[in-house]
Amino acid sequence: MNTASYHNNQAIWTELLPGGHHWSGRIQKGTILRFTSLGAQANVSLFCVNA
């Protein structure tokens, strides 16, 4: 098991998407991607490719 500790909670990118919208982008290796639900019935579909 790998454990990492992070010294701050500073986001380098924040995006708010309305329901039914999409986003795509490149995420650097080692970057943490966090999704936060703003509502009780929110969900996400995620497709990742290691290219």
PDB file of N, CA and C in Angstrom:
ATOM      1  N   MET A   1       0.844  -1.183   0.000  1.00  0.00           N
ATOM      2  CA  MET A   1       0.000   0.000   0.000  1.00  0.00           C
ATOM      3  C   MET A   1       0.882   1.236   0.000  1.00  0.00           C
ATOM      4  N   ASN A   2       0.582   2.164  -0.879  1.00  0.00           N
ATOM      5  CA  ASN A   2       1.298   3.429  -0.933  1.00  0.00           C
ATOM      6  C   ASN A   2       0.493   4.499  -0.217  1.00  0.00           C
ATOM      7  N   THR A   3       1.162   5.269   0.576  1.00  0.00           N
ATOM      8  CA  THR A   3       0.519   6.373   1.280  1.00  0.00           C
ATOM      9  C   THR A   3       1.247   7.655   0.935  1.00  0.00           C
ATOM     10  N   ALA A   4       0.493   8.668   0.576  1.00  0.00           N
ATOM     11  CA  ALA A   4       1.085   9.966   0.259  1.00  0.00           C
ATOM     12  C   ALA A   4       0.469  11.017   1.167  1.00  0.00           C
ATOM     13  N   SER A   5       1.273  11.977   1.552  1.00  0.00           N
ATOM     14  CA  SER A   5       0.740  13.088   2.340  1.00  0.00           C
ATOM     15  C   SER A   5       0.918  14.374   1.539  1.00  0.00           C
ATOM     16  N   TYR A   6      -0.032  15.247   1.665  1.00  0.00           N
ATOM     17  CA  TYR A   6      -0.026  16.482   0.899  1.00  0.00           C
ATOM     18  C   TYR A   6      -0.046  17.652   1.865  1.00  0.00           C
ATOM     19  N   HIS A   7       0.811  18.611   1.626  1.00  0.00           N
ATOM     20  CA  HIS A   7       0.989  19.706   2.573  1.00  0.00           C
ATOM     21  C   HIS A   7      -0.018  20.831   2.419  1.00  0.00           C
ATOM     22  N   ASN A   8      -0.750  20.863   1.319  1.00  0.00           N
ATOM     23  CA  ASN A   8      -1.765  21.914   1.172  1.00  0.00           C
ATOM     24  C   ASN A   8      -2.961  21.374   0.400  1.00  0.00           C
ATOM     25  N   ASN A   9      -3.987  22.150   0.350  1.00  0.00           N
ATOM     26  CA  ASN A   9      -5.221  21.747  -0.319  1.00  0.00           C
ATOM     27  C   ASN A   9      -5.507  22.694  -1.481  1.00  0.00           C
ATOM     28  N   GLN A  10      -4.461  23.204  -2.094  1.00  0.00           N
ATOM     29  CA  GLN A  10      -4.583  24.203  -3.150  1.00  0.00           C
ATOM     30  C   GLN A  10      -4.859  23.532  -4.494  1.00  0.00           C
ATOM     31  N   ALA A  11      -5.945  23.908  -5.125  1.00  0.00           N
ATOM     32  CA  ALA A  11      -6.289  23.372  -6.438  1.00  0.00           C
ATOM     33  C   ALA A  11      -5.518  24.123  -7.518  1.00  0.00           C
ATOM     34  N   ILE A  12      -5.035  23.388  -8.524  1.00  0.00           N
ATOM     35  CA  ILE A  12      -4.375  24.040  -9.653  1.00  0.00           C
ATOM     36  C   ILE A  12      -5.360  24.260 -10.800  1.00  0.00           C
ATOM     37  N   TRP A  13      -6.526  23.599 -10.729  1.00  0.00           N
ATOM     38  CA  TRP A  13      -7.565  23.784 -11.732  1.00  0.00           C
ATOM     39  C   TRP A  13      -8.905  23.462 -11.096  1.00  0.00           C
ATOM     40  N   THR A  14      -9.886  24.317 -11.287  1.00  0.00           N
ATOM     41  CA  THR A  14     -11.236  24.074 -10.789  1.00  0.00           C
ATOM     42  C   THR A  14     -12.207  24.269 -11.940  1.00  0.00           C
ATOM     43  N   GLU A  15     -13.120  23.344 -12.096  1.00  0.00           N
ATOM     44  CA  GLU A  15     -14.097  23.410 -13.179  1.00  0.00           C
ATOM     45  C   GLU A  15     -15.465  23.020 -12.623  1.00  0.00           C
ATOM     46  N   LEU A  16     -16.479  23.843 -12.872  1.00  0.00           N
ATOM     47  CA  LEU A  16     -17.847  23.546 -12.465  1.00  0.00           C
ATOM     48  C   LEU A  16     -18.661  23.274 -13.726  1.00  0.00           C
ATOM     49  N   LEU A  17     -19.191  22.057 -13.845  1.00  0.00           N
ATOM     50  CA  LEU A  17     -19.938  21.668 -15.035  1.00  0.00           C
ATOM     51  C   LEU A  17     -21.411  21.480 -14.700  1.00  0.00           C
ATOM     52  N   PRO A  18     -22.305  22.091 -15.485  1.00  0.00           N
ATOM     53  CA  PRO A  18     -23.734  21.844 -15.303  1.00  0.00           C
ATOM     54  C   PRO A  18     -24.070  20.398 -15.688  1.00  0.00           C
ATOM     55  N   GLY A  19     -25.195  19.903 -15.226  1.00  0.00           N
ATOM     56  CA  GLY A  19     -25.616  18.543 -15.551  1.00  0.00           C
ATOM     57  C   GLY A  19     -25.670  18.291 -17.049  1.00  0.00           C
ATOM     58  N   GLY A  20     -25.208  17.126 -17.481  1.00  0.00           N
ATOM     59  CA  GLY A  20     -25.243  16.749 -18.886  1.00  0.00           C
ATOM     60  C   GLY A  20     -24.080  17.259 -19.713  1.00  0.00           C
ATOM     61  N   HIS A  21     -23.188  18.024 -19.138  1.00  0.00           N
ATOM     62  CA  HIS A  21     -22.044  18.550 -19.873  1.00  0.00           C
ATOM     63  C   HIS A  21     -20.845  17.620 -19.738  1.00  0.00           C
ATOM     64  N   HIS A  22     -19.814  17.899 -20.509  1.00  0.00           N
ATOM     65  CA  HIS A  22     -18.622  17.052 -20.480  1.00  0.00           C
ATOM     66  C   HIS A  22     -17.365  17.903 -20.403  1.00  0.00           C
ATOM     67  N   TRP A  23     -16.273  17.246 -20.094  1.00  0.00           N
ATOM     68  CA  TRP A  23     -14.960  17.881 -20.037  1.00  0.00           C
ATOM     69  C   TRP A  23     -13.932  16.848 -20.469  1.00  0.00           C
ATOM     70  N   SER A  24     -12.904  17.275 -21.148  1.00  0.00           N
ATOM     71  CA  SER A  24     -11.795  16.377 -21.474  1.00  0.00           C
ATOM     72  C   SER A  24     -10.498  17.150 -21.328  1.00  0.00           C
ATOM     73  N   GLY A  25      -9.452  16.440 -21.019  1.00  0.00           N
ATOM     74  CA  GLY A  25      -8.157  17.080 -20.861  1.00  0.00           C
ATOM     75  C   GLY A  25      -7.083  16.068 -20.539  1.00  0.00           C
ATOM     76  N   ARG A  26      -5.861  16.534 -20.534  1.00  0.00           N
ATOM     77  CA  ARG A  26      -4.723  15.682 -20.187  1.00  0.00           C
ATOM     78  C   ARG A  26      -4.316  15.946 -18.752  1.00  0.00           C
ATOM     79  N   ILE A  27      -4.147  14.878 -18.014  1.00  0.00           N
ATOM     80  CA  ILE A  27      -3.742  14.958 -16.620  1.00  0.00           C
ATOM     81  C   ILE A  27      -2.344  14.368 -16.513  1.00  0.00           C
ATOM     82  N   GLN A  28      -1.411  15.120 -15.977  1.00  0.00           N
ATOM     83  CA  GLN A  28      -0.031  14.658 -15.835  1.00  0.00           C
ATOM     84  C   GLN A  28       0.060  13.492 -14.860  1.00  0.00           C
ATOM     85  N   LYS A  29       0.992  12.603 -15.099  1.00  0.00           N
ATOM     86  CA  LYS A  29       1.236  11.487 -14.190  1.00  0.00           C
ATOM     87  C   LYS A  29       1.546  12.031 -12.795  1.00  0.00           C
ATOM     88  N   GLY A  30       0.930  11.443 -11.776  1.00  0.00           N
ATOM     89  CA  GLY A  30       1.150  11.873 -10.405  1.00  0.00           C
ATOM     90  C   GLY A  30       0.194  12.951  -9.924  1.00  0.00           C
ATOM     91  N   THR A  31      -0.634  13.478 -10.819  1.00  0.00           N
ATOM     92  CA  THR A  31      -1.608  14.500 -10.449  1.00  0.00           C
ATOM     93  C   THR A  31      -2.827  13.840  -9.824  1.00  0.00           C
ATOM     94  N   ILE A  32      -3.356  14.437  -8.797  1.00  0.00           N
ATOM     95  CA  ILE A  32      -4.552  13.921  -8.141  1.00  0.00           C
ATOM     96  C   ILE A  32      -5.767  14.587  -8.756  1.00  0.00           C
ATOM     97  N   LEU A  33      -6.709  13.781  -9.177  1.00  0.00           N
ATOM     98  CA  LEU A  33      -7.951  14.268  -9.764  1.00  0.00           C
ATOM     99  C   LEU A  33      -9.066  14.000  -8.760  1.00  0.00           C
ATOM    100  N   ARG A  34      -9.732  15.056  -8.301  1.00  0.00           N
ATOM    101  CA  ARG A  34     -10.779  14.901  -7.289  1.00  0.00           C
ATOM    102  C   ARG A  34     -12.094  15.441  -7.824  1.00  0.00           C
ATOM    103  N   PHE A  35     -13.137  14.647  -7.666  1.00  0.00           N
ATOM    104  CA  PHE A  35     -14.485  15.047  -8.043  1.00  0.00           C
ATOM    105  C   PHE A  35     -15.271  15.329  -6.773  1.00  0.00           C
ATOM    106  N   THR A  36     -15.998  16.437  -6.760  1.00  0.00           N
ATOM    107  CA  THR A  36     -16.798  16.805  -5.598  1.00  0.00           C
ATOM    108  C   THR A  36     -18.253  16.947  -6.019  1.00  0.00           C
ATOM    109  N   SER A  37     -19.131  16.257  -5.339  1.00  0.00           N
ATOM    110  CA  SER A  37     -20.560  16.315  -5.616  1.00  0.00           C
ATOM    111  C   SER A  37     -21.161  17.556  -4.975  1.00  0.00           C
ATOM    112  N   LEU A  38     -21.879  18.334  -5.761  1.00  0.00           N
ATOM    113  CA  LEU A  38     -22.548  19.519  -5.227  1.00  0.00           C
ATOM    114  C   LEU A  38     -23.997  19.231  -4.861  1.00  0.00           C
ATOM    115  N   GLY A  39     -24.474  18.044  -5.209  1.00  0.00           N
ATOM    116  CA  GLY A  39     -25.851  17.667  -4.902  1.00  0.00           C
ATOM    117  C   GLY A  39     -25.927  16.221  -4.459  1.00  0.00           C
ATOM    118  N   ALA A  40     -27.054  15.865  -3.884  1.00  0.00           N
ATOM    119  CA  ALA A  40     -27.224  14.517  -3.341  1.00  0.00           C
ATOM    120  C   ALA A  40     -27.300  13.448  -4.428  1.00  0.00           C
ATOM    121  N   GLN A  41     -27.727  13.790  -5.633  1.00  0.00           N
ATOM    122  CA  GLN A  41     -27.925  12.785  -6.679  1.00  0.00           C
ATOM    123  C   GLN A  41     -26.915  12.928  -7.812  1.00  0.00           C
ATOM    124  N   ALA A  42     -25.787  13.533  -7.555  1.00  0.00           N
ATOM    125  CA  ALA A  42     -24.770  13.734  -8.589  1.00  0.00           C
ATOM    126  C   ALA A  42     -24.012  12.442  -8.860  1.00  0.00           C
ATOM    127  N   ASN A  43     -23.522  12.286 -10.097  1.00  0.00           N
ATOM    128  CA  ASN A  43     -22.689  11.143 -10.451  1.00  0.00           C
ATOM    129  C   ASN A  43     -21.714  11.551 -11.541  1.00  0.00           C
ATOM    130  N   VAL A  44     -20.768  10.671 -11.828  1.00  0.00           N
ATOM    131  CA  VAL A  44     -19.760  10.952 -12.847  1.00  0.00           C
ATOM    132  C   VAL A  44     -19.454   9.672 -13.616  1.00  0.00           C
ATOM    133  N   SER A  45     -19.202   9.815 -14.907  1.00  0.00           N
ATOM    134  CA  SER A  45     -18.678   8.728 -15.726  1.00  0.00           C
ATOM    135  C   SER A  45     -17.265   9.124 -16.104  1.00  0.00           C
ATOM    136  N   LEU A  46     -16.334   8.206 -15.962  1.00  0.00           N
ATOM    137  CA  LEU A  46     -14.924   8.520 -16.178  1.00  0.00           C
ATOM    138  C   LEU A  46     -14.308   7.501 -17.122  1.00  0.00           C
ATOM    139  N   PHE A  47     -13.644   7.981 -18.159  1.00  0.00           N
ATOM    140  CA  PHE A  47     -12.950   7.129 -19.119  1.00  0.00           C
ATOM    141  C   PHE A  47     -11.502   7.583 -19.163  1.00  0.00           C
ATOM    142  N   CYS A  48     -10.585   6.711 -18.787  1.00  0.00           N
ATOM    143  CA  CYS A  48      -9.158   7.049 -18.753  1.00  0.00           C
ATOM    144  C   CYS A  48      -8.389   6.186 -19.734  1.00  0.00           C
ATOM    145  N   VAL A  49      -7.408   6.790 -20.384  1.00  0.00           N
ATOM    146  CA  VAL A  49      -6.551   6.085 -21.321  1.00  0.00           C
ATOM    147  C   VAL A  49      -5.110   6.383 -20.959  1.00  0.00           C
ATOM    148  N   ASN A  50      -4.296   5.364 -20.859  1.00  0.00           N
ATOM    149  CA  ASN A  50      -2.870   5.525 -20.619  1.00  0.00           C
ATOM    150  C   ASN A  50      -2.173   5.447 -21.971  1.00  0.00           C
ATOM    151  N   ALA A  51      -1.881   6.604 -22.544  1.00  0.00           N
ATOM    152  CA  ALA A  51      -1.289   6.619 -23.885  1.00  0.00           C
ATOM    153  C   ALA A  51       0.061   7.287 -23.879  1.00  0.00           C
TER     154      ALA A  51
END
